[in-house]
């Protein structure tokens, strides 16, 4: 067993038998800086949400989950500190793209739209206000950069690239169709429980038989933009169920992007932790 990834939030261990163990920590990053203070139970919330969605979408696509029971893990992980934040998964050959599904006119897409520009190959014929729901969700991939920032590309770019790497599989179209199907089903579940999934990102891989498999994390506040449906208004910038509270504190104290920050105040940690927990309560309760 060896640790192969120590990311902003997750630690990944290769069991070297076709399986991996993923541990979701309580770390939080903002403005490309991993903050020195942990957010209580954040890792457990992210893990619980991903596990819920993996189960909820398994009728659409296979996923990498094997078990979340510590008894199924190597003995090193059969300890209380790993409970609720650790999963055993199949090792996949990951597709080198993040697959972003956008359901609302927001963020960089809205900035391009206001200028009358296309957004990654997508044209918008009707008029939209900020945060307005799109007539149909769209997929905008990005390349997964080993270093630096990912690069946004068009869906056609991804399809052509994957056709060259995996000829005859029509893999890009399968990924687009699958991502939209997952988003639609999960969007409807979240909405009836008071959360709007404005956008999200998925990662896919191939198993040993070449089947498309959903991996990484799924529909968490760290990989998605979740809005409170009761407070949502078209034409505004809705508050998110995510790390925005921490971001706002950093900006207010001129600490955004400052790697020398020593700690985050207890009240900011507590409020952020509660935001994450509320998201889990709303989505996972039924």
C-alpha atoms as a PDB file:
ATOM      1  CA  UNK A   1       0.000   0.000   0.000  1.00  0.00           C
ATOM      2  CA  UNK A   2       1.319   3.435  -0.868  1.00  0.00           C
ATOM      3  CA  UNK A   3      -0.050   6.964  -0.750  1.00  0.00           C
ATOM      4  CA  UNK A   4      -0.324   8.210  -4.330  1.00  0.00           C
ATOM      5  CA  UNK A   5      -2.189  11.495  -3.850  1.00  0.00           C
ATOM      6  CA  UNK A   6      -2.290  14.062  -1.076  1.00  0.00           C
ATOM      7  CA  UNK A   7      -4.696  16.621  -2.469  1.00  0.00           C
ATOM      8  CA  UNK A   8      -6.339  19.733  -1.109  1.00  0.00           C
ATOM      9  CA  UNK A   9      -8.927  17.597   0.681  1.00  0.00           C
ATOM     10  CA  UNK A  10      -8.338  13.904  -0.081  1.00  0.00           C
ATOM     11  CA  UNK A  11      -5.640  11.344   0.641  1.00  0.00           C
ATOM     12  CA  UNK A  12      -5.534   8.427  -1.816  1.00  0.00           C
ATOM     13  CA  UNK A  13      -3.795   5.114  -1.134  1.00  0.00           C
ATOM     14  CA  UNK A  14      -3.112   2.474  -3.795  1.00  0.00           C
ATOM     15  CA  UNK A  15      -3.545  -1.063  -2.447  1.00  0.00           C
ATOM     16  CA  UNK A  16      -1.764  -2.296  -5.595  1.00  0.00           C
ATOM     17  CA  UNK A  17      -4.396  -4.958  -6.235  1.00  0.00           C
ATOM     18  CA  UNK A  18      -6.790  -2.922  -8.403  1.00  0.00           C
ATOM     19  CA  UNK A  19      -8.294  -1.137  -5.387  1.00  0.00           C
ATOM     20  CA  UNK A  20      -7.683   2.164  -3.639  1.00  0.00           C
ATOM     21  CA  UNK A  21      -8.617   3.734  -0.312  1.00  0.00           C
ATOM     22  CA  UNK A  22      -9.752   7.366  -0.335  1.00  0.00           C
ATOM     23  CA  UNK A  23      -9.813   9.377   2.890  1.00  0.00           C
ATOM     24  CA  UNK A  24     -11.693  12.687   2.862  1.00  0.00           C
ATOM     25  CA  UNK A  25     -10.146  15.070   5.390  1.00  0.00           C
ATOM     26  CA  UNK A  26     -11.546  18.182   7.082  1.00  0.00           C
ATOM     27  CA  UNK A  27      -9.119  20.407   5.175  1.00  0.00           C
ATOM     28  CA  UNK A  28     -10.472  23.403   3.313  1.00  0.00           C
ATOM     29  CA  UNK A  29      -8.881  25.467   0.573  1.00  0.00           C
ATOM     30  CA  UNK A  30      -9.796  28.920  -0.629  1.00  0.00           C
ATOM     31  CA  UNK A  31      -8.163  31.122  -3.242  1.00  0.00           C
ATOM     32  CA  UNK A  32      -5.719  28.268  -4.006  1.00  0.00           C
ATOM     33  CA  UNK A  33      -4.471  28.142  -0.397  1.00  0.00           C
ATOM     34  CA  UNK A  34      -5.046  25.184   1.936  1.00  0.00           C
ATOM     35  CA  UNK A  35      -6.035  26.858   5.193  1.00  0.00           C
ATOM     36  CA  UNK A  36      -4.304  25.826   8.436  1.00  0.00           C
ATOM     37  CA  UNK A  37      -7.563  25.294  10.361  1.00  0.00           C
ATOM     38  CA  UNK A  38      -9.766  22.245   9.804  1.00  0.00           C
ATOM     39  CA  UNK A  39     -13.545  22.565   9.322  1.00  0.00           C
ATOM     40  CA  UNK A  40     -15.195  20.196  11.803  1.00  0.00           C
ATOM     41  CA  UNK A  41     -16.684  17.092  10.101  1.00  0.00           C
ATOM     42  CA  UNK A  42     -16.398  18.613   6.616  1.00  0.00           C
ATOM     43  CA  UNK A  43     -14.787  15.415   5.332  1.00  0.00           C
ATOM     44  CA  UNK A  44     -17.575  13.261   6.735  1.00  0.00           C
ATOM     45  CA  UNK A  45     -20.193  15.465   5.072  1.00  0.00           C
ATOM     46  CA  UNK A  46     -18.479  15.332   1.676  1.00  0.00           C
ATOM     47  CA  UNK A  47     -18.063  11.571   1.970  1.00  0.00           C
ATOM     48  CA  UNK A  48     -21.692  11.017   3.012  1.00  0.00           C
ATOM     49  CA  UNK A  49     -22.995  13.120   0.127  1.00  0.00           C
ATOM     50  CA  UNK A  50     -20.857  11.370  -2.483  1.00  0.00           C
ATOM     51  CA  UNK A  51     -21.858   7.954  -1.144  1.00  0.00           C
ATOM     52  CA  UNK A  52     -25.532   8.948  -1.240  1.00  0.00           C
ATOM     53  CA  UNK A  53     -25.275  10.100  -4.856  1.00  0.00           C
ATOM     54  CA  UNK A  54     -23.275   7.030  -5.953  1.00  0.00           C
ATOM     55  CA  UNK A  55     -26.117   4.851  -4.699  1.00  0.00           C
ATOM     56  CA  UNK A  56     -28.763   7.165  -6.157  1.00  0.00           C
ATOM     57  CA  UNK A  57     -27.265   7.172  -9.674  1.00  0.00           C
ATOM     58  CA  UNK A  58     -26.087   3.579 -10.033  1.00  0.00           C
ATOM     59  CA  UNK A  59     -29.018   2.882 -12.365  1.00  0.00           C
ATOM     60  CA  UNK A  60     -27.552   5.441 -14.793  1.00  0.00           C
ATOM     61  CA  UNK A  61     -23.857   4.553 -14.653  1.00  0.00           C
ATOM     62  CA  UNK A  62     -21.510   2.293 -12.711  1.00  0.00           C
ATOM     63  CA  UNK A  63     -19.405   3.934 -10.016  1.00  0.00           C
ATOM     64  CA  UNK A  64     -16.097   3.140  -8.348  1.00  0.00           C
ATOM     65  CA  UNK A  65     -17.493   2.365  -4.873  1.00  0.00           C
ATOM     66  CA  UNK A  66     -16.720  -1.003  -3.303  1.00  0.00           C
ATOM     67  CA  UNK A  67     -17.396  -0.328   0.382  1.00  0.00           C
ATOM     68  CA  UNK A  68     -17.589   2.367   3.033  1.00  0.00           C
ATOM     69  CA  UNK A  69     -17.345  -0.172   5.881  1.00  0.00           C
ATOM     70  CA  UNK A  70     -14.025   0.043   7.724  1.00  0.00           C
ATOM     71  CA  UNK A  71     -14.115  -3.733   8.257  1.00  0.00           C
ATOM     72  CA  UNK A  72     -13.489  -4.095   4.516  1.00  0.00           C
ATOM     73  CA  UNK A  73     -10.418  -1.834   4.637  1.00  0.00           C
ATOM     74  CA  UNK A  74      -6.797  -2.740   5.401  1.00  0.00           C
ATOM     75  CA  UNK A  75      -6.126  -2.822   9.147  1.00  0.00           C
ATOM     76  CA  UNK A  76      -4.346   0.561   9.004  1.00  0.00           C
ATOM     77  CA  UNK A  77      -7.733   2.195   8.360  1.00  0.00           C
ATOM     78  CA  UNK A  78      -9.758   0.280  10.945  1.00  0.00           C
ATOM     79  CA  UNK A  79      -9.445   3.129  13.430  1.00  0.00           C
ATOM     80  CA  UNK A  80     -11.996   5.631  14.777  1.00  0.00           C
ATOM     81  CA  UNK A  81     -10.427   8.615  13.001  1.00  0.00           C
ATOM     82  CA  UNK A  82     -11.228   7.030   9.623  1.00  0.00           C
ATOM     83  CA  UNK A  83     -14.888   6.286  10.380  1.00  0.00           C
ATOM     84  CA  UNK A  84     -17.326   8.097   8.089  1.00  0.00           C
ATOM     85  CA  UNK A  85     -14.652   9.591   5.865  1.00  0.00           C
ATOM     86  CA  UNK A  86     -13.060   6.563   4.176  1.00  0.00           C
ATOM     87  CA  UNK A  87     -14.091   4.478   1.169  1.00  0.00           C
ATOM     88  CA  UNK A  88     -12.696   1.487  -0.686  1.00  0.00           C
ATOM     89  CA  UNK A  89     -12.916   1.924  -4.465  1.00  0.00           C
ATOM     90  CA  UNK A  90     -11.977   0.304  -7.754  1.00  0.00           C
ATOM     91  CA  UNK A  91      -8.935   1.773  -9.411  1.00  0.00           C
ATOM     92  CA  UNK A  92      -9.912   3.216 -12.793  1.00  0.00           C
ATOM     93  CA  UNK A  93      -8.155   4.505 -15.861  1.00  0.00           C
ATOM     94  CA  UNK A  94      -9.338   8.077 -15.427  1.00  0.00           C
ATOM     95  CA  UNK A  95     -10.526  10.168 -18.374  1.00  0.00           C
ATOM     96  CA  UNK A  96      -8.354  13.341 -18.411  1.00  0.00           C
ATOM     97  CA  UNK A  97     -11.298  15.752 -18.274  1.00  0.00           C
ATOM     98  CA  UNK A  98     -13.517  17.313 -15.675  1.00  0.00           C
ATOM     99  CA  UNK A  99     -17.057  17.239 -17.032  1.00  0.00           C
ATOM    100  CA  UNK A 100     -18.921  20.345 -15.912  1.00  0.00           C
ATOM    101  CA  UNK A 101     -22.705  20.504 -16.217  1.00  0.00           C
ATOM    102  CA  UNK A 102     -24.217  23.983 -16.032  1.00  0.00           C
ATOM    103  CA  UNK A 103     -27.922  24.494 -15.485  1.00  0.00           C
ATOM    104  CA  UNK A 104     -28.001  28.242 -14.771  1.00  0.00           C
ATOM    105  CA  UNK A 105     -26.643  31.398 -16.361  1.00  0.00           C
ATOM    106  CA  UNK A 106     -23.938  32.220 -13.869  1.00  0.00           C
ATOM    107  CA  UNK A 107     -20.240  32.808 -13.278  1.00  0.00           C
ATOM    108  CA  UNK A 108     -17.865  32.865 -16.240  1.00  0.00           C
ATOM    109  CA  UNK A 109     -20.694  31.860 -18.583  1.00  0.00           C
ATOM    110  CA  UNK A 110     -22.716  34.920 -17.570  1.00  0.00           C
ATOM    111  CA  UNK A 111     -19.674  37.162 -18.013  1.00  0.00           C
ATOM    112  CA  UNK A 112     -19.237  35.892 -21.598  1.00  0.00           C
ATOM    113  CA  UNK A 113     -22.977  36.164 -22.274  1.00  0.00           C
ATOM    114  CA  UNK A 114     -23.084  39.821 -21.155  1.00  0.00           C
ATOM    115  CA  UNK A 115     -20.372  40.608 -23.711  1.00  0.00           C
ATOM    116  CA  UNK A 116     -22.370  38.897 -26.445  1.00  0.00           C
ATOM    117  CA  UNK A 117     -19.761  36.159 -26.763  1.00  0.00           C
ATOM    118  CA  UNK A 118     -20.123  32.431 -27.217  1.00  0.00           C
ATOM    119  CA  UNK A 119     -19.271  30.349 -24.165  1.00  0.00           C
ATOM    120  CA  UNK A 120     -17.119  27.367 -25.078  1.00  0.00           C
ATOM    121  CA  UNK A 121     -19.029  26.816 -28.297  1.00  0.00           C
ATOM    122  CA  UNK A 122     -22.469  27.488 -26.829  1.00  0.00           C
ATOM    123  CA  UNK A 123     -24.631  30.302 -28.227  1.00  0.00           C
ATOM    124  CA  UNK A 124     -27.629  31.715 -26.377  1.00  0.00           C
ATOM    125  CA  UNK A 125     -30.436  33.015 -28.575  1.00  0.00           C
ATOM    126  CA  UNK A 126     -32.796  34.140 -25.808  1.00  0.00           C
ATOM    127  CA  UNK A 127     -32.239  36.804 -23.159  1.00  0.00           C
ATOM    128  CA  UNK A 128     -31.052  35.670 -19.747  1.00  0.00           C
ATOM    129  CA  UNK A 129     -30.627  37.404 -16.429  1.00  0.00           C
ATOM    130  CA  UNK A 130     -27.963  36.479 -13.909  1.00  0.00           C
ATOM    131  CA  UNK A 131     -28.668  33.143 -12.188  1.00  0.00           C
ATOM    132  CA  UNK A 132     -31.599  32.369 -14.507  1.00  0.00           C
ATOM    133  CA  UNK A 133     -32.241  28.703 -15.304  1.00  0.00           C
ATOM    134  CA  UNK A 134     -31.137  27.642 -18.785  1.00  0.00           C
ATOM    135  CA  UNK A 135     -33.697  26.127 -21.140  1.00  0.00           C
ATOM    136  CA  UNK A 136     -31.453  23.041 -21.232  1.00  0.00           C
ATOM    137  CA  UNK A 137     -28.358  22.234 -19.161  1.00  0.00           C
ATOM    138  CA  UNK A 138     -25.066  22.241 -21.060  1.00  0.00           C
ATOM    139  CA  UNK A 139     -21.773  20.372 -20.688  1.00  0.00           C
ATOM    140  CA  UNK A 140     -18.494  22.295 -20.727  1.00  0.00           C
ATOM    141  CA  UNK A 141     -15.435  20.120 -20.081  1.00  0.00           C
ATOM    142  CA  UNK A 142     -12.041  21.191 -18.834  1.00  0.00           C
ATOM    143  CA  UNK A 143      -8.706  19.460 -19.217  1.00  0.00           C
ATOM    144  CA  UNK A 144      -7.187  18.157 -15.994  1.00  0.00           C
ATOM    145  CA  UNK A 145      -3.850  19.891 -15.634  1.00  0.00           C
ATOM    146  CA  UNK A 146      -1.090  18.162 -13.665  1.00  0.00           C
ATOM    147  CA  UNK A 147       0.089  21.599 -12.597  1.00  0.00           C
ATOM    148  CA  UNK A 148      -1.537  25.005 -12.660  1.00  0.00           C
ATOM    149  CA  UNK A 149      -5.143  25.643 -13.631  1.00  0.00           C
ATOM    150  CA  UNK A 150      -7.395  23.420 -15.716  1.00  0.00           C
ATOM    151  CA  UNK A 151      -8.223  24.691 -19.198  1.00  0.00           C
ATOM    152  CA  UNK A 152     -11.841  25.008 -20.324  1.00  0.00           C
ATOM    153  CA  UNK A 153     -12.553  23.444 -23.724  1.00  0.00           C
ATOM    154  CA  UNK A 154     -15.583  22.867 -25.924  1.00  0.00           C
ATOM    155  CA  UNK A 155     -17.542  19.629 -25.817  1.00  0.00           C
ATOM    156  CA  UNK A 156     -16.547  19.045 -29.462  1.00  0.00           C
ATOM    157  CA  UNK A 157     -12.865  19.330 -28.520  1.00  0.00           C
ATOM    158  CA  UNK A 158     -13.287  16.655 -25.857  1.00  0.00           C
ATOM    159  CA  UNK A 159     -15.229  14.371 -28.199  1.00  0.00           C
ATOM    160  CA  UNK A 160     -12.629  14.650 -30.963  1.00  0.00           C
ATOM    161  CA  UNK A 161      -9.764  14.081 -28.535  1.00  0.00           C
ATOM    162  CA  UNK A 162     -11.380  11.009 -26.988  1.00  0.00           C
ATOM    163  CA  UNK A 163     -12.253   9.625 -30.436  1.00  0.00           C
ATOM    164  CA  UNK A 164      -8.522   9.693 -31.241  1.00  0.00           C
ATOM    165  CA  UNK A 165      -7.552   8.050 -27.935  1.00  0.00           C
ATOM    166  CA  UNK A 166     -10.409   5.527 -27.885  1.00  0.00           C
ATOM    167  CA  UNK A 167     -11.455   5.012 -31.530  1.00  0.00           C
ATOM    168  CA  UNK A 168     -14.857   3.510 -32.184  1.00  0.00           C
ATOM    169  CA  UNK A 169     -16.154   3.941 -28.613  1.00  0.00           C
ATOM    170  CA  UNK A 170     -17.992   7.275 -29.090  1.00  0.00           C
ATOM    171  CA  UNK A 171     -16.763   7.923 -25.555  1.00  0.00           C
ATOM    172  CA  UNK A 172     -17.210  11.700 -25.560  1.00  0.00           C
ATOM    173  CA  UNK A 173     -20.885  11.460 -26.511  1.00  0.00           C
ATOM    174  CA  UNK A 174     -21.460   8.764 -23.879  1.00  0.00           C
ATOM    175  CA  UNK A 175     -19.879  10.969 -21.231  1.00  0.00           C
ATOM    176  CA  UNK A 176     -21.985  13.982 -22.249  1.00  0.00           C
ATOM    177  CA  UNK A 177     -25.222  11.966 -22.233  1.00  0.00           C
ATOM    178  CA  UNK A 178     -24.370  10.305 -18.905  1.00  0.00           C
ATOM    179  CA  UNK A 179     -23.385  13.564 -17.188  1.00  0.00           C
ATOM    180  CA  UNK A 180     -26.651  15.222 -18.253  1.00  0.00           C
ATOM    181  CA  UNK A 181     -28.693  12.218 -17.077  1.00  0.00           C
ATOM    182  CA  UNK A 182     -27.005  12.242 -13.651  1.00  0.00           C
ATOM    183  CA  UNK A 183     -27.484  15.997 -13.317  1.00  0.00           C
ATOM    184  CA  UNK A 184     -31.183  15.806 -14.242  1.00  0.00           C
ATOM    185  CA  UNK A 185     -32.011  13.043 -11.758  1.00  0.00           C
ATOM    186  CA  UNK A 186     -30.022  14.560  -8.898  1.00  0.00           C
ATOM    187  CA  UNK A 187     -31.229  18.096  -9.632  1.00  0.00           C
ATOM    188  CA  UNK A 188     -34.844  16.977  -9.204  1.00  0.00           C
ATOM    189  CA  UNK A 189     -34.087  15.221  -5.906  1.00  0.00           C
ATOM    190  CA  UNK A 190     -32.190  18.192  -4.504  1.00  0.00           C
ATOM    191  CA  UNK A 191     -34.813  20.708  -5.607  1.00  0.00           C
ATOM    192  CA  UNK A 192     -37.663  18.942  -3.800  1.00  0.00           C
ATOM    193  CA  UNK A 193     -35.477  19.135  -0.677  1.00  0.00           C
ATOM    194  CA  UNK A 194     -34.774  22.844  -0.983  1.00  0.00           C
ATOM    195  CA  UNK A 195     -31.461  22.963  -2.865  1.00  0.00           C
ATOM    196  CA  UNK A 196     -30.834  24.137  -6.423  1.00  0.00           C
ATOM    197  CA  UNK A 197     -27.844  22.504  -8.106  1.00  0.00           C
ATOM    198  CA  UNK A 198     -26.744  25.360 -10.358  1.00  0.00           C
ATOM    199  CA  UNK A 199     -23.711  23.543 -11.729  1.00  0.00           C
ATOM    200  CA  UNK A 200     -21.422  20.666 -10.864  1.00  0.00           C
ATOM    201  CA  UNK A 201     -18.456  18.692 -12.128  1.00  0.00           C
ATOM    202  CA  UNK A 202     -18.065  14.967 -12.670  1.00  0.00           C
ATOM    203  CA  UNK A 203     -15.061  12.762 -13.293  1.00  0.00           C
ATOM    204  CA  UNK A 204     -15.222   9.482 -15.147  1.00  0.00           C
ATOM    205  CA  UNK A 205     -12.893   6.566 -15.757  1.00  0.00           C
ATOM    206  CA  UNK A 206     -12.824   3.206 -17.479  1.00  0.00           C
ATOM    207  CA  UNK A 207     -12.744  -0.134 -15.669  1.00  0.00           C
ATOM    208  CA  UNK A 208     -10.786  -3.199 -16.792  1.00  0.00           C
ATOM    209  CA  UNK A 209     -13.557  -4.106 -19.270  1.00  0.00           C
ATOM    210  CA  UNK A 210     -13.596  -0.623 -20.754  1.00  0.00           C
ATOM    211  CA  UNK A 211     -16.935   0.334 -19.165  1.00  0.00           C
ATOM    212  CA  UNK A 212     -17.613   3.968 -18.307  1.00  0.00           C
ATOM    213  CA  UNK A 213     -17.504   4.435 -14.513  1.00  0.00           C
ATOM    214  CA  UNK A 214     -18.254   7.452 -12.317  1.00  0.00           C
ATOM    215  CA  UNK A 215     -15.438   8.228  -9.881  1.00  0.00           C
ATOM    216  CA  UNK A 216     -13.914  10.869  -7.610  1.00  0.00           C
ATOM    217  CA  UNK A 217     -16.560  12.828  -5.642  1.00  0.00           C
ATOM    218  CA  UNK A 218     -20.133  13.469  -6.729  1.00  0.00           C
ATOM    219  CA  UNK A 219     -22.365  16.500  -6.173  1.00  0.00           C
ATOM    220  CA  UNK A 220     -20.779  17.871  -3.010  1.00  0.00           C
ATOM    221  CA  UNK A 221     -20.563  21.549  -2.025  1.00  0.00           C
ATOM    222  CA  UNK A 222     -16.874  21.382  -3.008  1.00  0.00           C
ATOM    223  CA  UNK A 223     -17.583  20.195  -6.560  1.00  0.00           C
ATOM    224  CA  UNK A 224     -20.892  21.987  -7.155  1.00  0.00           C
ATOM    225  CA  UNK A 225     -22.731  25.259  -6.771  1.00  0.00           C
ATOM    226  CA  UNK A 226     -25.658  24.637  -4.385  1.00  0.00           C
ATOM    227  CA  UNK A 227     -28.200  27.408  -3.799  1.00  0.00           C
ATOM    228  CA  UNK A 228     -30.951  27.676  -1.202  1.00  0.00           C
ATOM    229  CA  UNK A 229     -34.171  27.320  -3.223  1.00  0.00           C
ATOM    230  CA  UNK A 230     -36.187  29.441  -0.777  1.00  0.00           C
ATOM    231  CA  UNK A 231     -33.812  32.389  -1.084  1.00  0.00           C
ATOM    232  CA  UNK A 232     -33.119  32.061  -4.811  1.00  0.00           C
ATOM    233  CA  UNK A 233     -33.998  35.050  -7.002  1.00  0.00           C
ATOM    234  CA  UNK A 234     -33.287  35.571 -10.681  1.00  0.00           C
ATOM    235  CA  UNK A 235     -31.039  38.568 -11.291  1.00  0.00           C
ATOM    236  CA  UNK A 236     -29.038  38.147  -8.090  1.00  0.00           C
ATOM    237  CA  UNK A 237     -25.941  36.263  -6.966  1.00  0.00           C
ATOM    238  CA  UNK A 238     -27.484  33.602  -4.685  1.00  0.00           C
ATOM    239  CA  UNK A 239     -25.748  32.506  -1.476  1.00  0.00           C
ATOM    240  CA  UNK A 240     -24.110  29.091  -1.752  1.00  0.00           C
ATOM    241  CA  UNK A 241     -23.963  26.046   0.514  1.00  0.00           C
ATOM    242  CA  UNK A 242     -20.192  25.872   0.407  1.00  0.00           C
ATOM    243  CA  UNK A 243     -16.983  27.575   1.468  1.00  0.00           C
ATOM    244  CA  UNK A 244     -18.276  31.050   0.532  1.00  0.00           C
ATOM    245  CA  UNK A 245     -18.529  32.040   4.199  1.00  0.00           C
ATOM    246  CA  UNK A 246     -14.798  31.365   4.602  1.00  0.00           C
ATOM    247  CA  UNK A 247     -14.006  33.162   1.346  1.00  0.00           C
ATOM    248  CA  UNK A 248     -15.959  36.222   2.493  1.00  0.00           C
ATOM    249  CA  UNK A 249     -14.068  36.281   5.811  1.00  0.00           C
ATOM    250  CA  UNK A 250     -10.727  36.031   4.015  1.00  0.00           C
ATOM    251  CA  UNK A 251     -11.622  38.874   1.648  1.00  0.00           C
ATOM    252  CA  UNK A 252     -12.943  41.060   4.472  1.00  0.00           C
ATOM    253  CA  UNK A 253      -9.633  40.615   6.320  1.00  0.00           C
ATOM    254  CA  UNK A 254      -7.416  41.032   3.242  1.00  0.00           C
ATOM    255  CA  UNK A 255      -6.243  37.419   3.541  1.00  0.00           C
ATOM    256  CA  UNK A 256      -7.469  36.047   0.213  1.00  0.00           C
ATOM    257  CA  UNK A 257      -4.632  34.033  -1.317  1.00  0.00           C
ATOM    258  CA  UNK A 258      -2.316  34.723   1.635  1.00  0.00           C
ATOM    259  CA  UNK A 259      -0.389  31.495   2.317  1.00  0.00           C
ATOM    260  CA  UNK A 260       0.983  32.887   5.598  1.00  0.00           C
ATOM    261  CA  UNK A 261      -2.410  32.853   7.346  1.00  0.00           C
ATOM    262  CA  UNK A 262      -2.029  31.303  10.826  1.00  0.00           C
ATOM    263  CA  UNK A 263      -5.610  30.293  11.688  1.00  0.00           C
ATOM    264  CA  UNK A 264      -9.317  30.743  11.005  1.00  0.00           C
ATOM    265  CA  UNK A 265     -11.477  32.009  13.928  1.00  0.00           C
ATOM    266  CA  UNK A 266     -13.646  29.496  15.786  1.00  0.00           C
ATOM    267  CA  UNK A 267     -16.894  31.243  14.861  1.00  0.00           C
ATOM    268  CA  UNK A 268     -16.038  31.120  11.143  1.00  0.00           C
ATOM    269  CA  UNK A 269     -15.158  27.422  11.449  1.00  0.00           C
ATOM    270  CA  UNK A 270     -18.411  26.684  13.320  1.00  0.00           C
ATOM    271  CA  UNK A 271     -20.586  28.566  10.817  1.00  0.00           C
ATOM    272  CA  UNK A 272     -18.903  26.910   7.837  1.00  0.00           C
ATOM    273  CA  UNK A 273     -19.257  23.473   9.423  1.00  0.00           C
ATOM    274  CA  UNK A 274     -22.961  24.097   9.998  1.00  0.00           C
ATOM    275  CA  UNK A 275     -23.462  25.149   6.345  1.00  0.00           C
ATOM    276  CA  UNK A 276     -21.942  21.866   5.171  1.00  0.00           C
ATOM    277  CA  UNK A 277     -24.003  19.830   7.647  1.00  0.00           C
ATOM    278  CA  UNK A 278     -27.211  21.576   6.596  1.00  0.00           C
ATOM    279  CA  UNK A 279     -26.532  20.619   3.003  1.00  0.00           C
ATOM    280  CA  UNK A 280     -26.129  16.971   4.015  1.00  0.00           C
ATOM    281  CA  UNK A 281     -29.315  17.033   6.119  1.00  0.00           C
ATOM    282  CA  UNK A 282     -31.387  18.423   3.276  1.00  0.00           C
ATOM    283  CA  UNK A 283     -30.122  16.075   0.567  1.00  0.00           C
ATOM    284  CA  UNK A 284     -29.684  12.797   2.453  1.00  0.00           C
ATOM    285  CA  UNK A 285     -32.782  12.755   4.653  1.00  0.00           C
ATOM    286  CA  UNK A 286     -34.971  11.105   2.014  1.00  0.00           C
END
